PDB file of N, CA and C in Angstrom:
ATOM      1  N   UNK A   1      80.477  91.123 102.120  1.00  0.00           N
ATOM      2  CA  UNK A   1      81.779  90.679 102.589  1.00  0.00           C
ATOM      3  C   UNK A   1      82.558  91.939 103.370  1.00  0.00           C
ATOM      4  N   UNK A   2      82.828  90.689 104.657  1.00  0.00           N
ATOM      5  CA  UNK A   2      83.654  91.781 105.822  1.00  0.00           C
ATOM      6  C   UNK A   2      84.957  92.103 104.865  1.00  0.00           C
ATOM      7  N   UNK A   3      85.508  93.304 105.626  1.00  0.00           N
ATOM      8  CA  UNK A   3      86.978  93.663 105.247  1.00  0.00           C
ATOM      9  C   UNK A   3      87.819  92.604 105.729  1.00  0.00           C
ATOM     10  N   UNK A   4      88.355  92.821 104.125  1.00  0.00           N
ATOM     11  CA  UNK A   4      89.830  91.633 103.915  1.00  0.00           C
ATOM     12  C   UNK A   4      91.021  92.476 103.611  1.00  0.00           C
ATOM     13  N   UNK A   5      92.223  91.844 104.148  1.00  0.00           N
ATOM     14  CA  UNK A   5      93.458  92.503 104.157  1.00  0.00           C
ATOM     15  C   UNK A   5      94.182  92.062 102.658  1.00  0.00           C
ATOM     16  N   UNK A   6      93.849  93.007 101.922  1.00  0.00           N
ATOM     17  CA  UNK A   6      94.710  92.393 100.479  1.00  0.00           C
ATOM     18  C   UNK A   6      95.839  92.563 100.437  1.00  0.00           C
ATOM     19  N   UNK A   7      96.988  93.861 101.450  1.00  0.00           N
ATOM     20  CA  UNK A   7      98.291  93.342 101.300  1.00  0.00           C
ATOM     21  C   UNK A   7      98.754  94.491 101.772  1.00  0.00           C
ATOM     22  N   UNK A   8      99.945  94.082 101.950  1.00  0.00           N
ATOM     23  CA  UNK A   8     100.960  95.179 103.392  1.00  0.00           C
ATOM     24  C   UNK A   8     101.323  96.434 102.534  1.00  0.00           C
ATOM     25  N   UNK A   9     101.095  97.324 103.062  1.00  0.00           N
ATOM     26  CA  UNK A   9     101.433  98.820 102.563  1.00  0.00           C
ATOM     27  C   UNK A   9     102.781  98.637 102.107  1.00  0.00           C
ATOM     28  N   UNK A  10     103.855  99.142 101.362  1.00  0.00           N
ATOM     29  CA  UNK A  10     105.011  99.171 101.271  1.00  0.00           C
ATOM     30  C   UNK A  10     105.668 100.184 101.390  1.00  0.00           C
ATOM     31  N   UNK A  11     106.479  99.931 102.514  1.00  0.00           N
ATOM     32  CA  UNK A  11     106.994 101.048 103.712  1.00  0.00           C
ATOM     33  C   UNK A  11     108.192 102.260 102.306  1.00  0.00           C
ATOM     34  N   UNK A  12     108.649 101.589 101.535  1.00  0.00           N
ATOM     35  CA  UNK A  12     109.540 101.857 100.180  1.00  0.00           C
ATOM     36  C   UNK A  12     108.892 103.243  99.688  1.00  0.00           C
ATOM     37  N   UNK A  13     107.869 102.995  99.351  1.00  0.00           N
ATOM     38  CA  UNK A  13     107.135 103.771  98.375  1.00  0.00           C
ATOM     39  C   UNK A  13     107.535 105.468  98.797  1.00  0.00           C
ATOM     40  N   UNK A  14     107.295 105.687 100.006  1.00  0.00           N
ATOM     41  CA  UNK A  14     107.677 106.925 100.733  1.00  0.00           C
ATOM     42  C   UNK A  14     109.047 107.860 100.115  1.00  0.00           C
ATOM     43  N   UNK A  15     110.008 106.569  99.988  1.00  0.00           N
ATOM     44  CA  UNK A  15     111.220 107.380  99.455  1.00  0.00           C
ATOM     45  C   UNK A  15     111.029 107.746  98.326  1.00  0.00           C
ATOM     46  N   UNK A  16     109.973 107.293  97.225  1.00  0.00           N
ATOM     47  CA  UNK A  16     109.700 108.362  95.769  1.00  0.00           C
ATOM     48  C   UNK A  16     108.669 109.171  96.164  1.00  0.00           C
ATOM     49  N   UNK A  17     108.647 109.962  96.827  1.00  0.00           N
ATOM     50  CA  UNK A  17     107.604 111.017  97.459  1.00  0.00           C
ATOM     51  C   UNK A  17     108.696 112.317  97.038  1.00  0.00           C
ATOM     52  N   UNK A  18     108.206 113.516  96.201  1.00  0.00           N
ATOM     53  CA  UNK A  18     108.933 114.490  95.754  1.00  0.00           C
ATOM     54  C   UNK A  18     109.182 115.460  96.953  1.00  0.00           C
ATOM     55  N   UNK A  19     109.951 116.048  97.510  1.00  0.00           N
ATOM     56  CA  UNK A  19     111.320 116.125  96.651  1.00  0.00           C
ATOM     57  C   UNK A  19     112.370 114.866  96.978  1.00  0.00           C
ATOM     58  N   UNK A  20     112.023 113.933  97.362  1.00  0.00           N
ATOM     59  CA  UNK A  20     113.157 112.895  97.189  1.00  0.00           C
ATOM     60  C   UNK A  20     113.431 112.256  96.018  1.00  0.00           C
ATOM     61  N   UNK A  21     112.509 112.085  95.469  1.00  0.00           N
ATOM     62  CA  UNK A  21     112.634 111.427  94.151  1.00  0.00           C
ATOM     63  C   UNK A  21     111.354 112.393  92.789  1.00  0.00           C
ATOM     64  N   UNK A  22     112.444 113.629  92.754  1.00  0.00           N
ATOM     65  CA  UNK A  22     111.373 114.227  91.825  1.00  0.00           C
ATOM     66  C   UNK A  22     110.943 113.760  90.716  1.00  0.00           C
ATOM     67  N   UNK A  23     109.858 114.152  89.988  1.00  0.00           N
ATOM     68  CA  UNK A  23     109.171 113.606  89.082  1.00  0.00           C
ATOM     69  C   UNK A  23     108.459 115.319  88.498  1.00  0.00           C
ATOM     70  N   UNK A  24     108.186 115.556  87.431  1.00  0.00           N
ATOM     71  CA  UNK A  24     107.677 116.503  86.912  1.00  0.00           C
ATOM     72  C   UNK A  24     106.166 116.509  86.910  1.00  0.00           C
ATOM     73  N   UNK A  25     105.387 115.806  87.182  1.00  0.00           N
ATOM     74  CA  UNK A  25     104.043 115.148  87.399  1.00  0.00           C
ATOM     75  C   UNK A  25     102.962 116.030  88.104  1.00  0.00           C
ATOM     76  N   UNK A  26     103.933 116.247  89.337  1.00  0.00           N
ATOM     77  CA  UNK A  26     103.198 117.438  90.547  1.00  0.00           C
ATOM     78  C   UNK A  26     101.697 116.443  91.056  1.00  0.00           C
ATOM     79  N   UNK A  27     101.704 115.395  90.931  1.00  0.00           N
ATOM     80  CA  UNK A  27     101.325 114.111  91.350  1.00  0.00           C
ATOM     81  C   UNK A  27     102.326 112.878  92.091  1.00  0.00           C
ATOM     82  N   UNK A  28     103.217 112.873  92.031  1.00  0.00           N
ATOM     83  CA  UNK A  28     104.352 112.011  92.377  1.00  0.00           C
ATOM     84  C   UNK A  28     104.097 110.660  91.837  1.00  0.00           C
ATOM     85  N   UNK A  29     104.108 110.594  90.806  1.00  0.00           N
ATOM     86  CA  UNK A  29     103.468 108.986  89.707  1.00  0.00           C
ATOM     87  C   UNK A  29     104.653 107.984  89.921  1.00  0.00           C
ATOM     88  N   UNK A  30     106.002 108.665  90.322  1.00  0.00           N
ATOM     89  CA  UNK A  30     106.859 107.058  90.840  1.00  0.00           C
ATOM     90  C   UNK A  30     106.722 106.772  92.509  1.00  0.00           C
ATOM     91  N   UNK A  31     105.873 107.802  93.440  1.00  0.00           N
ATOM     92  CA  UNK A  31     105.249 106.910  94.292  1.00  0.00           C
ATOM     93  C   UNK A  31     104.098 106.601  94.142  1.00  0.00           C
ATOM     94  N   UNK A  32     103.281 107.005  93.108  1.00  0.00           N
ATOM     95  CA  UNK A  32     101.804 106.150  93.071  1.00  0.00           C
ATOM     96  C   UNK A  32     102.125 104.877  92.487  1.00  0.00           C
ATOM     97  N   UNK A  33     102.570 104.717  91.309  1.00  0.00           N
ATOM     98  CA  UNK A  33     103.391 103.575  90.894  1.00  0.00           C
ATOM     99  C   UNK A  33     103.983 102.686  92.129  1.00  0.00           C
ATOM    100  N   UNK A  34     104.721 102.817  93.038  1.00  0.00           N
ATOM    101  CA  UNK A  34     105.140 101.824  93.702  1.00  0.00           C
ATOM    102  C   UNK A  34     104.202 101.706  94.563  1.00  0.00           C
ATOM    103  N   UNK A  35     103.224 102.483  95.389  1.00  0.00           N
ATOM    104  CA  UNK A  35     102.351 102.247  96.091  1.00  0.00           C
ATOM    105  C   UNK A  35     101.509 101.417  96.215  1.00  0.00           C
ATOM    106  N   UNK A  36     100.863 101.683  94.819  1.00  0.00           N
ATOM    107  CA  UNK A  36      99.793 100.567  94.338  1.00  0.00           C
ATOM    108  C   UNK A  36      99.796  99.196  93.664  1.00  0.00           C
ATOM    109  N   UNK A  37     101.315  99.191  93.631  1.00  0.00           N
ATOM    110  CA  UNK A  37     101.828  97.925  92.828  1.00  0.00           C
ATOM    111  C   UNK A  37     101.317  96.822  93.695  1.00  0.00           C
ATOM    112  N   UNK A  38     101.399  96.846  95.138  1.00  0.00           N
ATOM    113  CA  UNK A  38     101.066  95.747  96.076  1.00  0.00           C
ATOM    114  C   UNK A  38      99.639  94.981  95.949  1.00  0.00           C
ATOM    115  N   UNK A  39      98.864  95.935  95.395  1.00  0.00           N
ATOM    116  CA  UNK A  39      97.474  95.609  95.102  1.00  0.00           C
ATOM    117  C   UNK A  39      97.110  95.011  94.168  1.00  0.00           C
ATOM    118  N   UNK A  40      98.080  93.967  93.652  1.00  0.00           N
ATOM    119  CA  UNK A  40      97.866  92.969  92.532  1.00  0.00           C
ATOM    120  C   UNK A  40      97.900  91.906  93.430  1.00  0.00           C
ATOM    121  N   UNK A  41      97.076  91.201  93.443  1.00  0.00           N
ATOM    122  CA  UNK A  41      97.007  90.198  94.039  1.00  0.00           C
ATOM    123  C   UNK A  41      95.270  89.001  94.056  1.00  0.00           C
ATOM    124  N   UNK A  42      95.650  88.041  94.299  1.00  0.00           N
ATOM    125  CA  UNK A  42      93.991  87.336  94.366  1.00  0.00           C
ATOM    126  C   UNK A  42      94.100  87.348  95.513  1.00  0.00           C
ATOM    127  N   UNK A  43      92.727  87.219  96.189  1.00  0.00           N
ATOM    128  CA  UNK A  43      92.251  87.070  97.279  1.00  0.00           C
ATOM    129  C   UNK A  43      91.559  85.692  97.462  1.00  0.00           C
ATOM    130  N   UNK A  44      91.659  85.432  98.765  1.00  0.00           N
ATOM    131  CA  UNK A  44      91.374  84.039  99.628  1.00  0.00           C
ATOM    132  C   UNK A  44      90.031  83.381  98.604  1.00  0.00           C
ATOM    133  N   UNK A  45      89.185  84.415  98.378  1.00  0.00           N
ATOM    134  CA  UNK A  45      87.865  83.759  97.945  1.00  0.00           C
ATOM    135  C   UNK A  45      88.235  83.250  96.297  1.00  0.00           C
ATOM    136  N   UNK A  46      89.559  83.647  95.749  1.00  0.00           N
ATOM    137  CA  UNK A  46      89.912  83.245  94.231  1.00  0.00           C
ATOM    138  C   UNK A  46      89.635  84.472  93.625  1.00  0.00           C
ATOM    139  N   UNK A  47      89.240  85.920  94.179  1.00  0.00           N
ATOM    140  CA  UNK A  47      88.924  86.969  93.060  1.00  0.00           C
ATOM    141  C   UNK A  47      90.451  87.729  93.002  1.00  0.00           C
ATOM    142  N   UNK A  48      90.712  87.828  91.509  1.00  0.00           N
ATOM    143  CA  UNK A  48      92.016  88.824  91.289  1.00  0.00           C
ATOM    144  C   UNK A  48      91.646  90.160  91.606  1.00  0.00           C
ATOM    145  N   UNK A  49      92.581  91.083  92.199  1.00  0.00           N
ATOM    146  CA  UNK A  49      92.481  92.622  92.526  1.00  0.00           C
ATOM    147  C   UNK A  49      93.790  92.968  91.589  1.00  0.00           C
ATOM    148  N   UNK A  50      93.604  93.951  91.257  1.00  0.00           N
ATOM    149  CA  UNK A  50      94.656  94.333  90.456  1.00  0.00           C
ATOM    150  C   UNK A  50      94.388  95.938  90.067  1.00  0.00           C
ATOM    151  N   UNK A  51      95.315  96.891  90.529  1.00  0.00           N
ATOM    152  CA  UNK A  51      95.165  98.436  90.302  1.00  0.00           C
ATOM    153  C   UNK A  51      96.226  98.857  89.501  1.00  0.00           C
ATOM    154  N   UNK A  52      96.107  99.634  88.952  1.00  0.00           N
ATOM    155  CA  UNK A  52      96.971 100.266  87.855  1.00  0.00           C
ATOM    156  C   UNK A  52      97.001 101.993  87.256  1.00  0.00           C
ATOM    157  N   UNK A  53      98.072 102.394  87.647  1.00  0.00           N
ATOM    158  CA  UNK A  53      97.719 104.254  87.148  1.00  0.00           C
ATOM    159  C   UNK A  53      98.058 104.058  85.186  1.00  0.00           C
ATOM    160  N   UNK A  54      96.873 104.758  84.796  1.00  0.00           N
ATOM    161  CA  UNK A  54      97.113 105.206  83.220  1.00  0.00           C
ATOM    162  C   UNK A  54      96.923 106.625  83.430  1.00  0.00           C
ATOM    163  N   UNK A  55      98.243 107.211  83.336  1.00  0.00           N
ATOM    164  CA  UNK A  55      97.953 108.806  83.083  1.00  0.00           C
ATOM    165  C   UNK A  55      97.843 109.141  84.252  1.00  0.00           C
ATOM    166  N   UNK A  56      96.913 110.260  84.560  1.00  0.00           N
ATOM    167  CA  UNK A  56      96.486 110.828  85.512  1.00  0.00           C
ATOM    168  C   UNK A  56      95.008 110.022  86.189  1.00  0.00           C
ATOM    169  N   UNK A  57      94.874 108.574  85.622  1.00  0.00           N
ATOM    170  CA  UNK A  57      93.590 107.899  86.140  1.00  0.00           C
ATOM    171  C   UNK A  57      94.109 106.548  86.993  1.00  0.00           C
ATOM    172  N   UNK A  58      93.589 106.345  87.674  1.00  0.00           N
ATOM    173  CA  UNK A  58      93.723 104.882  88.747  1.00  0.00           C
ATOM    174  C   UNK A  58      92.638 104.105  88.626  1.00  0.00           C
ATOM    175  N   UNK A  59      92.905 102.670  88.080  1.00  0.00           N
ATOM    176  CA  UNK A  59      91.852 101.863  87.794  1.00  0.00           C
ATOM    177  C   UNK A  59      91.833 100.802  89.036  1.00  0.00           C
ATOM    178  N   UNK A  60      91.141 100.274  89.469  1.00  0.00           N
ATOM    179  CA  UNK A  60      90.888  99.337  90.211  1.00  0.00           C
ATOM    180  C   UNK A  60      89.885  97.905  89.801  1.00  0.00           C
ATOM    181  N   UNK A  61      90.234  96.824  89.784  1.00  0.00           N
ATOM    182  CA  UNK A  61      89.434  95.985  89.682  1.00  0.00           C
ATOM    183  C   UNK A  61      89.434  94.524  90.472  1.00  0.00           C
ATOM    184  N   UNK A  62      88.433  94.551  90.581  1.00  0.00           N
ATOM    185  CA  UNK A  62      88.125  93.273  92.083  1.00  0.00           C
ATOM    186  C   UNK A  62      87.256  92.146  91.476  1.00  0.00           C
ATOM    187  N   UNK A  63      87.625  91.276  91.328  1.00  0.00           N
ATOM    188  CA  UNK A  63      86.941  90.233  90.417  1.00  0.00           C
ATOM    189  C   UNK A  63      86.531  91.013  88.544  1.00  0.00           C
ATOM    190  N   UNK A  64      85.131  90.643  88.640  1.00  0.00           N
ATOM    191  CA  UNK A  64      84.558  91.276  87.336  1.00  0.00           C
ATOM    192  C   UNK A  64      84.729  92.526  86.945  1.00  0.00           C
ATOM    193  N   UNK A  65      84.585  93.320  88.808  1.00  0.00           N
ATOM    194  CA  UNK A  65      83.855  94.487  88.341  1.00  0.00           C
ATOM    195  C   UNK A  65      85.473  95.758  88.470  1.00  0.00           C
ATOM    196  N   UNK A  66      85.080  96.655  87.485  1.00  0.00           N
ATOM    197  CA  UNK A  66      86.223  97.591  87.158  1.00  0.00           C
ATOM    198  C   UNK A  66      85.645  98.913  88.193  1.00  0.00           C
ATOM    199  N   UNK A  67      86.536  99.954  88.378  1.00  0.00           N
ATOM    200  CA  UNK A  67      86.403 101.105  88.863  1.00  0.00           C
ATOM    201  C   UNK A  67      87.575 102.242  88.732  1.00  0.00           C
ATOM    202  N   UNK A  68      87.379 103.392  88.386  1.00  0.00           N
ATOM    203  CA  UNK A  68      88.244 104.094  88.022  1.00  0.00           C
ATOM    204  C   UNK A  68      88.321 105.599  88.614  1.00  0.00           C
ATOM    205  N   UNK A  69      89.019 106.413  88.507  1.00  0.00           N
ATOM    206  CA  UNK A  69      88.821 107.773  89.082  1.00  0.00           C
ATOM    207  C   UNK A  69      90.208 108.281  89.052  1.00  0.00           C
ATOM    208  N   UNK A  70      90.107 109.521  88.484  1.00  0.00           N
ATOM    209  CA  UNK A  70      91.229 110.483  88.767  1.00  0.00           C
ATOM    210  C   UNK A  70      92.100 111.333  89.525  1.00  0.00           C
ATOM    211  N   UNK A  71      93.223 111.379  89.495  1.00  0.00           N
ATOM    212  CA  UNK A  71      94.133 112.157  91.003  1.00  0.00           C
ATOM    213  C   UNK A  71      93.895 113.426  90.137  1.00  0.00           C
ATOM    214  N   UNK A  72      93.336 114.286  91.395  1.00  0.00           N
ATOM    215  CA  UNK A  72      93.166 115.765  91.236  1.00  0.00           C
ATOM    216  C   UNK A  72      93.935 116.370  91.718  1.00  0.00           C
ATOM    217  N   UNK A  73      95.283 116.974  91.422  1.00  0.00           N
ATOM    218  CA  UNK A  73      96.094 117.990  92.372  1.00  0.00           C
ATOM    219  C   UNK A  73      95.513 119.230  93.132  1.00  0.00           C
ATOM    220  N   UNK A  74      94.688 120.041  91.981  1.00  0.00           N
ATOM    221  CA  UNK A  74      93.977 121.455  92.407  1.00  0.00           C
ATOM    222  C   UNK A  74      92.890 121.191  93.527  1.00  0.00           C
ATOM    223  N   UNK A  75      92.354 119.840  93.280  1.00  0.00           N
ATOM    224  CA  UNK A  75      91.318 119.600  94.229  1.00  0.00           C
ATOM    225  C   UNK A  75      92.056 118.970  95.947  1.00  0.00           C
ATOM    226  N   UNK A  76      92.626 118.232  95.650  1.00  0.00           N
ATOM    227  CA  UNK A  76      93.421 117.456  96.859  1.00  0.00           C
ATOM    228  C   UNK A  76      94.433 117.570  97.034  1.00  0.00           C
ATOM    229  N   UNK A  77      95.505 118.306  96.496  1.00  0.00           N
ATOM    230  CA  UNK A  77      96.592 118.561  96.679  1.00  0.00           C
ATOM    231  C   UNK A  77      97.401 119.384  97.370  1.00  0.00           C
ATOM    232  N   UNK A  78      98.452 119.939  97.306  1.00  0.00           N
ATOM    233  CA  UNK A  78      99.467 118.923  97.029  1.00  0.00           C
ATOM    234  C   UNK A  78     100.372 118.249  97.647  1.00  0.00           C
ATOM    235  N   UNK A  79      99.621 117.752  98.747  1.00  0.00           N
ATOM    236  CA  UNK A  79     100.147 115.827  99.099  1.00  0.00           C
ATOM    237  C   UNK A  79      99.864 115.353  98.604  1.00  0.00           C
ATOM    238  N   UNK A  80     100.999 114.314  97.921  1.00  0.00           N
ATOM    239  CA  UNK A  80     100.517 113.341  97.157  1.00  0.00           C
ATOM    240  C   UNK A  80      99.674 112.358  96.910  1.00  0.00           C
ATOM    241  N   UNK A  81     100.576 111.856  98.737  1.00  0.00           N
ATOM    242  CA  UNK A  81      99.386 111.068  99.432  1.00  0.00           C
ATOM    243  C   UNK A  81      98.148 111.293  99.591  1.00  0.00           C
ATOM    244  N   UNK A  82      97.588 112.331  99.645  1.00  0.00           N
ATOM    245  CA  UNK A  82      95.874 113.161  99.490  1.00  0.00           C
ATOM    246  C   UNK A  82      95.520 112.592  98.629  1.00  0.00           C
ATOM    247  N   UNK A  83      96.170 113.101  97.323  1.00  0.00           N
ATOM    248  CA  UNK A  83      95.791 113.084  96.225  1.00  0.00           C
ATOM    249  C   UNK A  83      95.666 111.496  95.720  1.00  0.00           C
ATOM    250  N   UNK A  84      96.026 110.567  95.869  1.00  0.00           N
ATOM    251  CA  UNK A  84      96.493 108.969  95.526  1.00  0.00           C
ATOM    252  C   UNK A  84      94.974 108.431  96.592  1.00  0.00           C
ATOM    253  N   UNK A  85      94.917 108.810  98.240  1.00  0.00           N
ATOM    254  CA  UNK A  85      94.031 108.534  98.665  1.00  0.00           C
ATOM    255  C   UNK A  85      92.848 108.647  98.283  1.00  0.00           C
ATOM    256  N   UNK A  86      92.564 109.714  97.748  1.00  0.00           N
ATOM    257  CA  UNK A  86      91.234 110.053  97.014  1.00  0.00           C
ATOM    258  C   UNK A  86      91.456 109.630  95.777  1.00  0.00           C
ATOM    259  N   UNK A  87      91.484 109.165  95.000  1.00  0.00           N
ATOM    260  CA  UNK A  87      91.602 108.338  93.407  1.00  0.00           C
ATOM    261  C   UNK A  87      91.525 106.918  94.032  1.00  0.00           C
ATOM    262  N   UNK A  88      92.122 106.613  94.931  1.00  0.00           N
ATOM    263  CA  UNK A  88      91.757 105.077  95.322  1.00  0.00           C
ATOM    264  C   UNK A  88      90.424 105.145  95.806  1.00  0.00           C
ATOM    265  N   UNK A  89      89.604 105.615  96.725  1.00  0.00           N
ATOM    266  CA  UNK A  89      88.822 105.561  97.223  1.00  0.00           C
ATOM    267  C   UNK A  89      87.818 105.874  95.912  1.00  0.00           C
ATOM    268  N   UNK A  90      88.008 107.000  95.531  1.00  0.00           N
ATOM    269  CA  UNK A  90      87.068 107.057  94.322  1.00  0.00           C
ATOM    270  C   UNK A  90      87.051 106.031  93.030  1.00  0.00           C
ATOM    271  N   UNK A  91      87.892 104.878  92.760  1.00  0.00           N
ATOM    272  CA  UNK A  91      87.948 103.968  92.135  1.00  0.00           C
ATOM    273  C   UNK A  91      87.455 102.610  92.693  1.00  0.00           C
ATOM    274  N   UNK A  92      87.353 102.783  93.952  1.00  0.00           N
ATOM    275  CA  UNK A  92      86.865 101.572  95.111  1.00  0.00           C
ATOM    276  C   UNK A  92      85.398 101.783  94.519  1.00  0.00           C
ATOM    277  N   UNK A  93      84.881 103.122  95.204  1.00  0.00           N
ATOM    278  CA  UNK A  93      83.137 103.356  95.085  1.00  0.00           C
ATOM    279  C   UNK A  93      83.023 103.056  94.158  1.00  0.00           C
ATOM    280  N   UNK A  94      83.740 103.098  92.720  1.00  0.00           N
ATOM    281  CA  UNK A  94      82.924 103.112  91.684  1.00  0.00           C
ATOM    282  C   UNK A  94      82.809 101.166  90.906  1.00  0.00           C
ATOM    283  N   UNK A  95      83.907 100.905  91.592  1.00  0.00           N
ATOM    284  CA  UNK A  95      83.788  99.521  91.655  1.00  0.00           C
ATOM    285  C   UNK A  95      82.763  98.732  92.817  1.00  0.00           C
ATOM    286  N   UNK A  96      82.050  99.535  93.341  1.00  0.00           N
ATOM    287  CA  UNK A  96      81.190  98.994  93.986  1.00  0.00           C
ATOM    288  C   UNK A  96      81.715  98.436  95.745  1.00  0.00           C
ATOM    289  N   UNK A  97      83.029  98.628  95.953  1.00  0.00           N
ATOM    290  CA  UNK A  97      83.536  98.274  97.155  1.00  0.00           C
ATOM    291  C   UNK A  97      84.595  99.265  98.266  1.00  0.00           C
ATOM    292  N   UNK A  98      84.664  99.479  99.002  1.00  0.00           N
ATOM    293  CA  UNK A  98      85.871 100.086  99.674  1.00  0.00           C
ATOM    294  C   UNK A  98      87.018  99.865 100.160  1.00  0.00           C
ATOM    295  N   UNK A  99      87.993 100.020 100.053  1.00  0.00           N
ATOM    296  CA  UNK A  99      89.550 100.635 100.105  1.00  0.00           C
ATOM    297  C   UNK A  99      89.920 101.121 100.915  1.00  0.00           C
ATOM    298  N   UNK A 100      90.868 101.028 102.207  1.00  0.00           N
ATOM    299  CA  UNK A 100      90.974 101.181 103.326  1.00  0.00           C
ATOM    300  C   UNK A 100      92.623 101.400 103.568  1.00  0.00           C
ATOM    301  N   UNK A 101      93.098 101.740 103.946  1.00  0.00           N
ATOM    302  CA  UNK A 101      94.636 101.976 104.810  1.00  0.00           C
ATOM    303  C   UNK A 101      94.558 101.892 105.974  1.00  0.00           C
ATOM    304  N   UNK A 102      94.780 100.852 106.883  1.00  0.00           N
ATOM    305  CA  UNK A 102      94.947 100.987 108.395  1.00  0.00           C
ATOM    306  C   UNK A 102      96.276 100.324 108.721  1.00  0.00           C
ATOM    307  N   UNK A 103      96.877 100.363 109.445  1.00  0.00           N
ATOM    308  CA  UNK A 103      97.696  99.135 110.459  1.00  0.00           C
ATOM    309  C   UNK A 103      99.030  98.975 109.710  1.00  0.00           C
ATOM    310  N   UNK A 104      99.392  99.641 108.280  1.00  0.00           N
ATOM    311  CA  UNK A 104     100.120  99.434 107.413  1.00  0.00           C
ATOM    312  C   UNK A 104      99.904  98.311 106.288  1.00  0.00           C
ATOM    313  N   UNK A 105      98.645  98.370 106.414  1.00  0.00           N
ATOM    314  CA  UNK A 105      98.012  97.697 105.053  1.00  0.00           C
ATOM    315  C   UNK A 105      96.960  97.854 104.520  1.00  0.00           C
ATOM    316  N   UNK A 106      96.606  97.159 103.317  1.00  0.00           N
ATOM    317  CA  UNK A 106      95.161  97.842 102.640  1.00  0.00           C
ATOM    318  C   UNK A 106      93.919  96.728 102.957  1.00  0.00           C
ATOM    319  N   UNK A 107      92.688  97.156 102.900  1.00  0.00           N
ATOM    320  CA  UNK A 107      91.804  96.203 103.405  1.00  0.00           C
ATOM    321  C   UNK A 107      90.518  96.520 102.433  1.00  0.00           C
ATOM    322  N   UNK A 108      90.154  96.042 102.089  1.00  0.00           N
ATOM    323  CA  UNK A 108      89.435  95.633 100.995  1.00  0.00           C
ATOM    324  C   UNK A 108      87.570  95.505 101.715  1.00  0.00           C
ATOM    325  N   UNK A 109      86.595  96.237 101.354  1.00  0.00           N
ATOM    326  CA  UNK A 109      85.123  95.914 102.312  1.00  0.00           C
ATOM    327  C   UNK A 109      84.021  96.010 101.554  1.00  0.00           C
ATOM    328  N   UNK A 110      82.714  96.028 101.862  1.00  0.00           N
ATOM    329  CA  UNK A 110      81.699  96.242 101.131  1.00  0.00           C
ATOM    330  C   UNK A 110      81.634  97.289 101.323  1.00  0.00           C
ATOM    331  N   UNK A 111      80.731  97.880 100.080  1.00  0.00           N
ATOM    332  CA  UNK A 111      80.903  99.845  99.670  1.00  0.00           C
ATOM    333  C   UNK A 111      80.127 100.480 100.820  1.00  0.00           C
ATOM    334  N   UNK A 112      80.657 101.829 101.280  1.00  0.00           N
ATOM    335  CA  UNK A 112      80.177 102.145 102.355  1.00  0.00           C
ATOM    336  C   UNK A 112      78.835 102.835 101.592  1.00  0.00           C
ATOM    337  N   UNK A 113      78.045 103.121 102.502  1.00  0.00           N
ATOM    338  CA  UNK A 113      76.705 103.513 102.085  1.00  0.00           C
ATOM    339  C   UNK A 113      76.873 105.439 102.586  1.00  0.00           C
ATOM    340  N   UNK A 114      76.305 105.710 101.115  1.00  0.00           N
ATOM    341  CA  UNK A 114      75.789 106.870 101.652  1.00  0.00           C
ATOM    342  C   UNK A 114      74.403 107.710 101.837  1.00  0.00           C
TER     343      UNK A 114
END
């Protein structure tokens, strides 16, 4: 699978980053929820992509394959964008795919080899 554009990034999600939109989570849950909302789509090949937050966990599903990762403030903070990016990368890797952000969009591709 080559890289496939999944969705455009919602630029208004940045308006929900603390301190603009305060929350007591320390990881910017308002921003996270808004940012990953666009990842609930169907790919051209018919596979469904879904992404959701359950507490501190990000769950990504591509077709029938699922992956999850935790958002770690101590390891990746305090920038909420970095915390989320690391969690999305981890969830995608656990699902056997890669998820990247570039040119204002999310792209899904083959898992990065290590």
